[in-house]
Amino acid sequence: MTIKEFQKIISEKYEKRDRQRGTPATFLWFMEEVGELATALAKDDPQEKFEEFGDVFAWLCTLANINDIDLEQTVQKYTTDQHLGYK
């Protein structure tokens, strides 16, 4: 699965509700998940880390969706010498 495909799945499942919530409140949910990931990393529990990395990525996709950002496009600067910029 590509980043674009995953972001689309998240969009189809959650975007309507997430847009209604708005960026500030959604960002708080994202930060809560980042905090849970930090706790999992400190405990060094492989299963908990596995789950929290997935949650953080899903919430990052949500934030990108409601701000009309294509995450796959944004990470291309790490795979090429060319920075494409916003389209």
C-alpha atoms as a PDB file:
ATOM      1  CA  MET A   1       0.000   0.000   0.000  1.00  0.00           C
ATOM      2  CA  THR A   2       1.275   3.475  -0.807  1.00  0.00           C
ATOM      3  CA  ILE A   3       1.067   6.502   1.449  1.00  0.00           C
ATOM      4  CA  LYS A   4      -1.459   7.993  -0.983  1.00  0.00           C
ATOM      5  CA  GLU A   5      -3.646   4.873  -0.779  1.00  0.00           C
ATOM      6  CA  PHE A   6      -3.576   4.872   3.017  1.00  0.00           C
ATOM      7  CA  GLN A   7      -4.341   8.589   3.167  1.00  0.00           C
ATOM      8  CA  LYS A   8      -7.343   7.982   0.887  1.00  0.00           C
ATOM      9  CA  ILE A   9      -8.640   5.203   3.158  1.00  0.00           C
ATOM     10  CA  ILE A  10      -8.365   7.517   6.159  1.00  0.00           C
ATOM     11  CA  SER A  11     -10.136  10.232   4.177  1.00  0.00           C
ATOM     12  CA  GLU A  12     -13.006   7.957   3.205  1.00  0.00           C
ATOM     13  CA  LYS A  13     -13.494   6.785   6.797  1.00  0.00           C
ATOM     14  CA  TYR A  14     -12.953   9.952   8.808  1.00  0.00           C
ATOM     15  CA  GLU A  15     -12.540  13.143   6.773  1.00  0.00           C
ATOM     16  CA  LYS A  16     -16.099  14.484   7.006  1.00  0.00           C
ATOM     17  CA  ARG A  17     -16.110  14.281  10.807  1.00  0.00           C
ATOM     18  CA  ASP A  18     -12.519  15.486  11.056  1.00  0.00           C
ATOM     19  CA  ARG A  19     -13.171  18.565   8.891  1.00  0.00           C
ATOM     20  CA  GLN A  20     -16.125  19.416  11.137  1.00  0.00           C
ATOM     21  CA  ARG A  21     -13.849  19.117  14.193  1.00  0.00           C
ATOM     22  CA  GLY A  22     -11.298  21.386  12.539  1.00  0.00           C
ATOM     23  CA  THR A  23      -7.531  21.557  12.547  1.00  0.00           C
ATOM     24  CA  PRO A  24      -6.927  22.841  16.108  1.00  0.00           C
ATOM     25  CA  ALA A  25      -8.996  20.110  17.794  1.00  0.00           C
ATOM     26  CA  THR A  26      -7.698  17.428  15.440  1.00  0.00           C
ATOM     27  CA  PHE A  27      -4.147  18.509  16.160  1.00  0.00           C
ATOM     28  CA  LEU A  28      -4.829  17.994  19.889  1.00  0.00           C
ATOM     29  CA  TRP A  29      -5.964  14.418  19.162  1.00  0.00           C
ATOM     30  CA  PHE A  30      -2.787  13.915  17.129  1.00  0.00           C
ATOM     31  CA  MET A  31      -0.646  15.196  19.995  1.00  0.00           C
ATOM     32  CA  GLU A  32      -2.407  12.850  22.411  1.00  0.00           C
ATOM     33  CA  GLU A  33      -1.410   9.953  20.157  1.00  0.00           C
ATOM     34  CA  VAL A  34       2.170  11.250  20.004  1.00  0.00           C
ATOM     35  CA  GLY A  35       2.165  11.245  23.809  1.00  0.00           C
ATOM     36  CA  GLU A  36       0.927   7.653  23.841  1.00  0.00           C
ATOM     37  CA  LEU A  37       3.723   6.742  21.435  1.00  0.00           C
ATOM     38  CA  ALA A  38       6.256   8.424  23.733  1.00  0.00           C
ATOM     39  CA  THR A  39       4.969   6.333  26.628  1.00  0.00           C
ATOM     40  CA  ALA A  40       5.157   3.155  24.548  1.00  0.00           C
ATOM     41  CA  LEU A  41       8.726   3.948  23.521  1.00  0.00           C
ATOM     42  CA  ALA A  42       9.718   4.514  27.142  1.00  0.00           C
ATOM     43  CA  LYS A  43       8.206   1.170  28.178  1.00  0.00           C
ATOM     44  CA  ASP A  44       9.881  -0.611  25.281  1.00  0.00           C
ATOM     45  CA  ASP A  45       6.773  -2.734  24.708  1.00  0.00           C
ATOM     46  CA  PRO A  46       6.937  -3.956  21.075  1.00  0.00           C
ATOM     47  CA  GLN A  47       3.164  -4.477  20.687  1.00  0.00           C
ATOM     48  CA  GLU A  48       2.300  -1.109  22.174  1.00  0.00           C
ATOM     49  CA  LYS A  49       4.901   0.631  19.990  1.00  0.00           C
ATOM     50  CA  PHE A  50       3.460  -1.142  16.932  1.00  0.00           C
ATOM     51  CA  GLU A  51      -0.053   0.094  17.706  1.00  0.00           C
ATOM     52  CA  GLU A  52       0.937   3.643  18.598  1.00  0.00           C
ATOM     53  CA  PHE A  53       3.072   4.179  15.493  1.00  0.00           C
ATOM     54  CA  GLY A  54      -0.002   3.218  13.448  1.00  0.00           C
ATOM     55  CA  ASP A  55      -2.231   5.589  15.416  1.00  0.00           C
ATOM     56  CA  VAL A  56       0.195   8.494  15.018  1.00  0.00           C
ATOM     57  CA  PHE A  57       0.460   7.915  11.269  1.00  0.00           C
ATOM     58  CA  ALA A  58      -3.336   7.690  10.890  1.00  0.00           C
ATOM     59  CA  TRP A  59      -3.836  10.969  12.753  1.00  0.00           C
ATOM     60  CA  LEU A  60      -1.073  12.610  10.695  1.00  0.00           C
ATOM     61  CA  CYS A  61      -2.964  11.534   7.576  1.00  0.00           C
ATOM     62  CA  THR A  62      -6.134  13.034   9.015  1.00  0.00           C
ATOM     63  CA  LEU A  63      -4.399  16.352   9.632  1.00  0.00           C
ATOM     64  CA  ALA A  64      -3.003  16.317   6.113  1.00  0.00           C
ATOM     65  CA  ASN A  65      -6.417  15.489   4.637  1.00  0.00           C
ATOM     66  CA  ILE A  66      -8.263  18.311   6.347  1.00  0.00           C
ATOM     67  CA  ASN A  67      -5.509  20.704   5.271  1.00  0.00           C
ATOM     68  CA  ASP A  68      -5.503  19.438   1.668  1.00  0.00           C
ATOM     69  CA  ILE A  69      -1.933  18.128   1.810  1.00  0.00           C
ATOM     70  CA  ASP A  70      -0.789  15.068  -0.141  1.00  0.00           C
ATOM     71  CA  LEU A  71       1.658  13.354   2.216  1.00  0.00           C
ATOM     72  CA  GLU A  72       3.137  11.204  -0.520  1.00  0.00           C
ATOM     73  CA  GLN A  73       4.056  14.362  -2.382  1.00  0.00           C
ATOM     74  CA  THR A  74       5.555  15.965   0.733  1.00  0.00           C
ATOM     75  CA  VAL A  75       7.997  13.118   1.355  1.00  0.00           C
ATOM     76  CA  GLN A  76       9.352  13.112  -2.188  1.00  0.00           C
ATOM     77  CA  LYS A  77      11.980  15.620  -1.093  1.00  0.00           C
ATOM     78  CA  TYR A  78      13.570  12.743   0.828  1.00  0.00           C
ATOM     79  CA  THR A  79      13.705  10.467  -2.192  1.00  0.00           C
ATOM     80  CA  THR A  80      14.832  12.842  -4.919  1.00  0.00           C
ATOM     81  CA  ASP A  81      17.221  15.767  -5.290  1.00  0.00           C
ATOM     82  CA  GLN A  82      14.328  17.917  -6.375  1.00  0.00           C
ATOM     83  CA  HIS A  83      11.979  19.706  -3.988  1.00  0.00           C
ATOM     84  CA  LEU A  84       8.669  19.811  -5.827  1.00  0.00           C
ATOM     85  CA  GLY A  85       6.794  22.307  -3.649  1.00  0.00           C
ATOM     86  CA  TYR A  86       3.072  22.577  -3.075  1.00  0.00           C
ATOM     87  CA  LYS A  87       0.746  21.758  -5.979  1.00  0.00           C
END
